Protein backbone atom coordinates (compact mmCIF):
# COMPACT_ATOMS: atom_id res chain seq x y z
CA MET A 1 -25.51 -6.43 37.59
CA PRO A 2 -27.47 -8.92 39.17
CA SER A 3 -26.03 -12.74 38.73
CA GLY A 4 -28.63 -13.98 36.52
CA GLY A 5 -28.16 -11.29 33.66
CA ILE A 6 -24.71 -12.02 34.37
CA SER A 7 -25.54 -15.57 33.60
CA ILE A 8 -27.04 -15.11 30.84
CA ILE A 9 -24.38 -12.73 28.84
CA ARG A 10 -21.74 -15.51 29.68
CA VAL A 11 -24.27 -18.40 27.90
CA ALA A 12 -25.39 -15.34 25.49
CA PHE A 13 -21.23 -15.52 24.61
CA HIS A 14 -20.95 -18.91 24.42
CA THR A 15 -23.40 -19.86 22.90
CA LEU A 16 -21.50 -17.01 20.17
CA LEU A 17 -18.47 -18.48 20.65
CA GLY A 18 -19.41 -21.63 19.89
CA CYS A 19 -21.20 -20.80 16.68
CA LEU A 20 -18.37 -19.36 15.25
CA THR A 21 -16.52 -21.90 16.66
CA ALA A 22 -17.97 -24.31 14.17
CA MET A 23 -18.19 -22.76 11.16
CA PHE A 24 -15.01 -22.42 12.13
CA VAL A 25 -14.46 -26.56 12.28
CA ILE A 26 -17.17 -28.51 10.82
CA PRO A 27 -15.37 -26.90 7.14
CA PHE A 28 -12.15 -28.96 7.32
CA VAL A 29 -14.16 -31.17 8.80
CA LEU A 30 -15.72 -32.21 5.24
CA VAL A 31 -12.77 -32.11 3.22
CA ILE A 32 -10.98 -33.96 5.16
CA SER A 33 -14.35 -36.26 4.89
CA ILE A 34 -14.34 -35.41 1.67
CA SER A 35 -10.85 -36.94 1.21
CA LEU A 36 -12.03 -40.66 2.26
CA SER A 37 -14.97 -41.14 0.85
CA ASN A 38 -15.44 -43.44 -2.26
CA GLN A 39 -15.60 -41.16 -5.68
CA GLY A 40 -18.73 -42.58 -6.96
CA TRP A 41 -20.41 -42.75 -3.66
CA LEU A 42 -19.85 -38.63 -3.84
CA ASN A 43 -21.52 -38.72 -7.60
CA ALA A 44 -24.30 -39.83 -6.53
CA HIS A 45 -25.31 -38.41 -3.65
CA GLY A 46 -22.61 -35.30 -2.67
CA PHE A 47 -20.59 -34.18 0.35
CA SER A 48 -21.45 -35.84 4.00
CA LEU A 49 -19.53 -34.28 7.46
CA TRP A 50 -18.86 -38.33 7.89
CA PRO A 51 -17.38 -40.65 4.72
CA HIS A 52 -18.66 -43.25 3.43
CA GLY A 53 -16.84 -46.12 1.47
CA LEU A 54 -13.68 -45.22 3.88
CA THR A 55 -10.95 -45.23 1.14
CA LEU A 56 -6.90 -43.65 1.64
CA LEU A 57 -7.80 -44.15 -2.64
CA ALA A 58 -7.28 -40.26 -3.11
CA TYR A 59 -4.30 -40.28 -0.77
CA ARG A 60 -2.69 -43.12 -2.59
CA PHE A 61 -3.32 -41.05 -5.98
CA ILE A 62 -1.04 -38.32 -5.38
CA LEU A 63 1.04 -40.33 -3.19
CA GLN A 64 2.29 -41.97 -6.20
CA GLU A 65 5.45 -40.95 -6.52
CA PRO A 66 6.34 -39.77 -2.99
CA GLY A 67 9.97 -38.64 -3.05
CA ILE A 68 8.73 -35.91 -5.16
CA ILE A 69 6.52 -34.98 -3.26
CA LEU A 70 8.80 -35.77 -0.04
CA ARG A 71 11.42 -33.21 -1.34
CA ALA A 72 8.33 -30.35 -2.31
CA TYR A 73 7.88 -31.10 1.42
CA GLY A 74 11.91 -30.19 2.16
CA VAL A 75 12.27 -27.42 0.22
CA THR A 76 9.00 -26.31 2.41
CA ILE A 77 10.01 -26.22 5.15
CA PHE A 78 13.91 -24.98 4.58
CA VAL A 79 11.82 -21.88 2.91
CA THR A 80 9.58 -22.14 6.11
CA VAL A 81 12.27 -22.15 8.52
CA VAL A 82 15.28 -20.40 7.88
CA GLY A 83 12.73 -17.33 5.97
CA THR A 84 11.06 -16.95 9.42
CA THR A 85 13.65 -17.16 11.56
CA CYS A 86 15.28 -14.09 9.69
CA SER A 87 12.43 -12.55 9.17
CA ILE A 88 11.94 -12.17 12.46
CA PHE A 89 15.24 -11.01 13.62
CA LEU A 90 15.00 -8.39 10.84
CA THR A 91 11.57 -7.05 11.56
CA THR A 92 12.56 -6.58 15.47
CA LEU A 93 15.79 -5.56 14.98
CA ILE A 94 13.70 -2.60 13.12
CA GLY A 95 11.29 -2.15 14.48
CA TYR A 96 13.35 -2.07 17.96
CA VAL A 97 15.63 0.99 16.12
CA ILE A 98 12.53 3.37 15.30
CA SER A 99 10.84 2.02 18.90
CA ARG A 100 13.50 4.31 20.38
CA PRO A 101 12.85 7.65 21.28
CA ASP A 102 16.69 8.75 21.33
CA TYR A 103 16.33 8.14 17.42
CA ALA A 104 16.46 11.45 16.50
CA TYR A 105 15.37 9.74 12.72
CA ARG A 106 12.34 7.55 13.27
CA ARG A 107 9.58 9.48 12.34
CA VAL A 108 10.92 10.10 9.02
CA THR A 109 11.87 6.77 9.23
CA THR A 110 8.62 5.14 10.63
CA LEU A 111 6.74 7.38 7.26
CA TYR A 112 9.48 5.55 4.87
CA ILE A 113 8.50 2.38 6.08
CA PHE A 114 4.69 2.59 6.14
CA PHE A 115 4.54 4.55 2.95
CA THR A 116 5.51 1.54 1.15
CA MET A 117 2.68 -0.43 1.66
CA LEU A 118 1.23 2.23 -0.14
CA PHE A 119 2.94 1.72 -2.76
CA SER A 120 4.31 -1.56 -5.00
CA GLY A 121 7.45 -1.10 -7.65
CA GLY A 122 4.62 -3.99 -9.79
CA LEU A 123 5.17 -6.69 -11.39
CA VAL A 124 7.69 -6.12 -13.86
CA PRO A 125 9.74 -4.30 -11.86
CA PHE A 126 9.96 -6.60 -9.09
CA TYR A 127 11.33 -9.62 -11.29
CA LEU A 128 13.81 -7.28 -13.53
CA LEU A 129 15.37 -7.18 -9.35
CA MET A 130 15.41 -10.23 -8.66
CA THR A 131 16.62 -12.20 -11.88
CA LYS A 132 18.49 -9.19 -13.64
CA TYR A 133 20.15 -7.00 -10.79
CA LEU A 134 20.08 -9.75 -8.18
CA HIS A 135 20.58 -12.48 -9.92
CA LEU A 136 18.09 -14.88 -7.45
CA GLY A 137 16.52 -16.55 -10.70
CA ASP A 138 15.85 -20.23 -10.00
CA THR A 139 17.76 -20.11 -6.55
CA ILE A 140 16.06 -21.32 -3.13
CA TRP A 141 17.05 -17.83 -2.28
CA ALA A 142 13.48 -17.06 -4.73
CA MET A 143 11.07 -18.05 -1.84
CA ILE A 144 12.86 -16.25 0.74
CA VAL A 145 14.22 -13.12 -0.02
CA PRO A 146 10.79 -10.82 -0.90
CA GLY A 147 8.89 -11.52 2.22
CA LEU A 148 11.88 -11.36 4.52
CA LEU A 149 10.58 -7.67 5.64
CA SER A 150 7.32 -6.48 5.73
CA PRO A 151 5.93 -3.32 6.81
CA PHE A 152 2.68 -4.31 9.41
CA TYR A 153 4.72 -6.89 10.61
CA ILE A 154 7.24 -4.25 11.65
CA LEU A 155 4.87 -2.04 12.54
CA VAL A 156 3.50 -4.19 14.66
CA MET A 157 6.92 -4.80 16.43
CA LYS A 158 7.50 -0.66 16.62
CA GLY A 159 3.89 0.06 19.29
CA PHE A 160 4.77 -3.00 21.06
CA LEU A 161 8.60 -2.42 21.34
CA SER A 162 7.97 0.71 22.38
CA LYS A 163 5.93 -0.11 25.60
CA ILE A 164 9.36 -0.64 27.17
CA PRO A 165 10.46 1.50 29.48
CA VAL A 166 13.25 3.13 28.71
CA GLU A 167 14.32 2.71 32.41
CA ILE A 168 15.34 -0.85 31.55
CA ILE A 169 17.32 0.01 28.46
CA GLU A 170 19.02 3.18 30.21
CA SER A 171 20.07 1.26 33.62
CA ALA A 172 22.05 -1.54 30.77
CA LYS A 173 24.05 1.34 29.27
CA ILE A 174 24.80 2.12 33.02
CA ASP A 175 25.40 -0.81 34.05
CA GLY A 176 27.96 -1.57 30.80
CA ALA A 177 25.64 -2.74 27.88
CA SER A 178 26.63 -2.58 25.16
CA GLU A 179 23.24 -2.25 22.54
CA TRP A 180 23.65 -5.56 19.91
CA ARG A 181 23.99 -7.04 24.17
CA ILE A 182 20.77 -4.85 25.14
CA PHE A 183 18.44 -6.73 22.26
CA PHE A 184 20.12 -9.99 22.53
CA ARG A 185 20.15 -10.62 26.65
CA LEU A 186 16.88 -7.69 26.66
CA VAL A 187 14.88 -6.47 24.64
CA LEU A 188 13.99 -10.32 22.59
CA PRO A 189 12.90 -11.77 26.02
CA LEU A 190 10.67 -9.27 26.62
CA ALA A 191 9.34 -9.63 22.51
CA THR A 192 8.37 -12.80 22.66
CA PRO A 193 4.94 -12.64 23.04
CA ALA A 194 5.25 -10.07 19.63
CA LEU A 195 8.13 -12.35 18.71
CA ALA A 196 5.26 -15.29 19.22
CA THR A 197 3.06 -13.54 16.38
CA VAL A 198 5.03 -11.88 14.05
CA GLY A 199 6.31 -15.38 13.40
CA VAL A 200 3.09 -17.06 13.55
CA PHE A 201 2.37 -14.62 10.44
CA ALA A 202 5.24 -14.53 8.94
CA ALA A 203 5.41 -18.62 8.49
CA PHE A 204 1.93 -19.44 7.33
CA GLY A 205 3.17 -16.47 4.23
CA PHE A 206 6.51 -18.46 3.54
CA TRP A 207 4.39 -22.02 4.35
CA SER A 208 2.10 -20.45 1.81
CA GLU A 209 4.41 -19.03 -0.77
CA TRP A 210 3.54 -20.83 -4.58
CA PHE A 211 3.23 -17.28 -6.78
CA ASN A 212 7.24 -16.64 -6.65
CA ALA A 213 8.38 -20.29 -7.09
CA LEU A 214 5.92 -19.92 -10.39
CA LEU A 215 8.10 -17.01 -11.39
CA PHE A 216 11.68 -17.56 -10.57
CA ILE A 217 12.48 -21.79 -10.27
CA THR A 218 12.42 -24.05 -13.03
CA ASN A 219 14.28 -26.56 -11.44
CA GLN A 220 11.93 -29.42 -10.31
CA ASN A 221 14.25 -30.10 -7.07
CA LEU A 222 13.87 -26.41 -5.73
CA VAL A 223 9.72 -26.55 -6.45
CA PRO A 224 7.92 -25.75 -3.54
CA ILE A 225 4.94 -28.21 -2.26
CA GLN A 226 2.56 -25.97 -2.89
CA LEU A 227 3.02 -25.05 -6.64
CA LEU A 228 3.55 -28.97 -6.70
CA LEU A 229 0.22 -29.59 -5.37
CA TYR A 230 -0.92 -26.05 -7.97
CA ARG A 231 0.25 -28.56 -11.29
CA ILE A 232 -1.25 -31.95 -9.66
CA PHE A 233 -4.86 -29.62 -9.09
CA GLU A 234 -4.38 -28.11 -12.15
CA ASN A 235 -4.17 -31.51 -13.87
CA ILE A 236 -6.97 -32.94 -12.07
CA GLN A 237 -8.59 -30.64 -13.29
CA MET A 238 -8.02 -30.76 -17.15
CA ILE A 239 -8.47 -34.24 -16.38
CA THR A 240 -11.52 -33.60 -15.09
CA SER A 241 -13.12 -30.95 -18.05
CA ASN A 242 -11.57 -33.09 -21.28
CA PRO A 243 -13.42 -37.28 -20.42
CA GLN A 244 -12.32 -37.81 -24.22
CA ALA A 245 -8.86 -37.10 -24.06
CA ALA A 246 -9.09 -39.00 -21.12
CA SER A 247 -10.20 -41.80 -22.39
CA ALA A 248 -7.79 -40.49 -25.19
CA LEU A 249 -4.83 -41.12 -22.85
CA GLY A 250 -5.78 -44.18 -21.31
CA ILE A 251 -7.24 -43.58 -18.59
CA ASN A 252 -10.59 -44.40 -16.78
CA MET A 253 -12.11 -41.38 -15.01
CA ASN A 254 -13.82 -43.66 -12.70
CA ALA A 255 -10.88 -44.50 -10.91
CA VAL A 256 -9.76 -40.97 -10.37
CA PRO A 257 -10.55 -39.36 -7.61
CA THR A 258 -10.37 -35.69 -8.97
CA THR A 259 -13.16 -34.02 -5.71
CA ALA A 260 -11.55 -36.98 -2.98
CA ALA A 261 -8.07 -36.02 -4.49
CA MET A 262 -8.56 -32.26 -5.15
CA MET A 263 -9.74 -32.47 -0.62
CA ALA A 264 -6.58 -35.00 -0.29
CA LEU A 265 -4.28 -31.83 -1.50
CA VAL A 266 -6.35 -28.60 0.95
CA VAL A 267 -5.13 -31.14 3.41
CA PHE A 268 -1.48 -32.19 2.58
CA VAL A 269 -1.17 -28.05 2.36
CA ALA A 270 -2.90 -27.37 5.40
CA GLY A 271 -2.84 -30.15 8.26
CA PRO A 272 0.65 -28.67 8.83
CA THR A 273 0.20 -25.26 9.91
CA LEU A 274 -2.94 -26.14 11.93
CA LEU A 275 -0.91 -28.14 13.60
CA LEU A 276 1.99 -24.86 14.02
CA PHE A 277 -0.60 -22.64 15.86
CA PRO A 278 -2.09 -24.56 19.41
CA LEU A 279 1.54 -23.91 20.38
CA LEU A 280 1.66 -20.61 19.41
CA ARG A 281 -1.16 -19.92 21.31
CA ARG A 282 -0.33 -18.87 24.20
CA PHE A 283 2.21 -16.41 23.30
CA TYR A 284 -0.23 -15.39 19.52
CA VAL A 285 -3.14 -14.56 22.18
CA GLN A 286 -0.87 -12.56 24.50
CA GLY A 287 0.44 -10.33 21.98
CA LEU A 288 -2.79 -9.00 20.54
CA THR A 289 -3.59 -8.35 23.74
CA VAL A 290 -0.56 -6.40 24.91
CA GLY A 291 -1.21 -3.26 23.29
CA SER A 292 -4.22 -2.90 25.04
CA LEU A 293 -2.20 -2.38 28.43
CA LYS A 294 -1.23 0.80 30.07
CA GLY A 295 1.90 0.12 32.06
């Protein structure tokens, strides 16, 4: 193909990527702009990509009780770090076992894992299992244990680990390495791209967790940031939908940054996760593309 044709394709491809990038970036820029805008200006003129009447009133409104916010962030960080670490370890351990060709029951085990993707036990059995049998109700483990294993992540890890040459493992055995030594000193370093890929997905899942907290957590000291901000969001909606009740309670609706506060909530929830992805981007991309390589 002539070089001119290649240049046109390249320009078209980059233009398409630029448009897609803008589609993802502009909404978040709009959210930040709204959160920094004056509520009166928003009511009068609507949304804009540039904040008008620049103010931090929405963030001050949410941070009226900073201790509660910080405690909720601490709970979420603990759940994310511990849950992601344990999830990666268990996922890699199971994926490694079913990827080994010398494991006699690998097909049956893989089928069993895949079967759990098709059917669910239901909400009521899940609630009874967590509270009556595992006794995890109103504990921080109620937000960690349910997300430790995902059949999809296990199958992704199995697909990656199955590409590790068996000869490497056999040579390590000849040198006298035990199974655990092979797993920790050989398999885990080779699986870094897959670990990063699964880790990003798992971290996002634990960070966004709020439903299990809604079901099992009543202790206010164990409320994660998502559930806390969800309750704040509900309170704002209640105030917005019932102006007469708000007036009866002495709440000045003009002083409440309802729309800006809702957007500030989005920044509080999504902001930290946006910092995680660039740090692991190189491993994440490698983990997604490694399956297309032959070797």
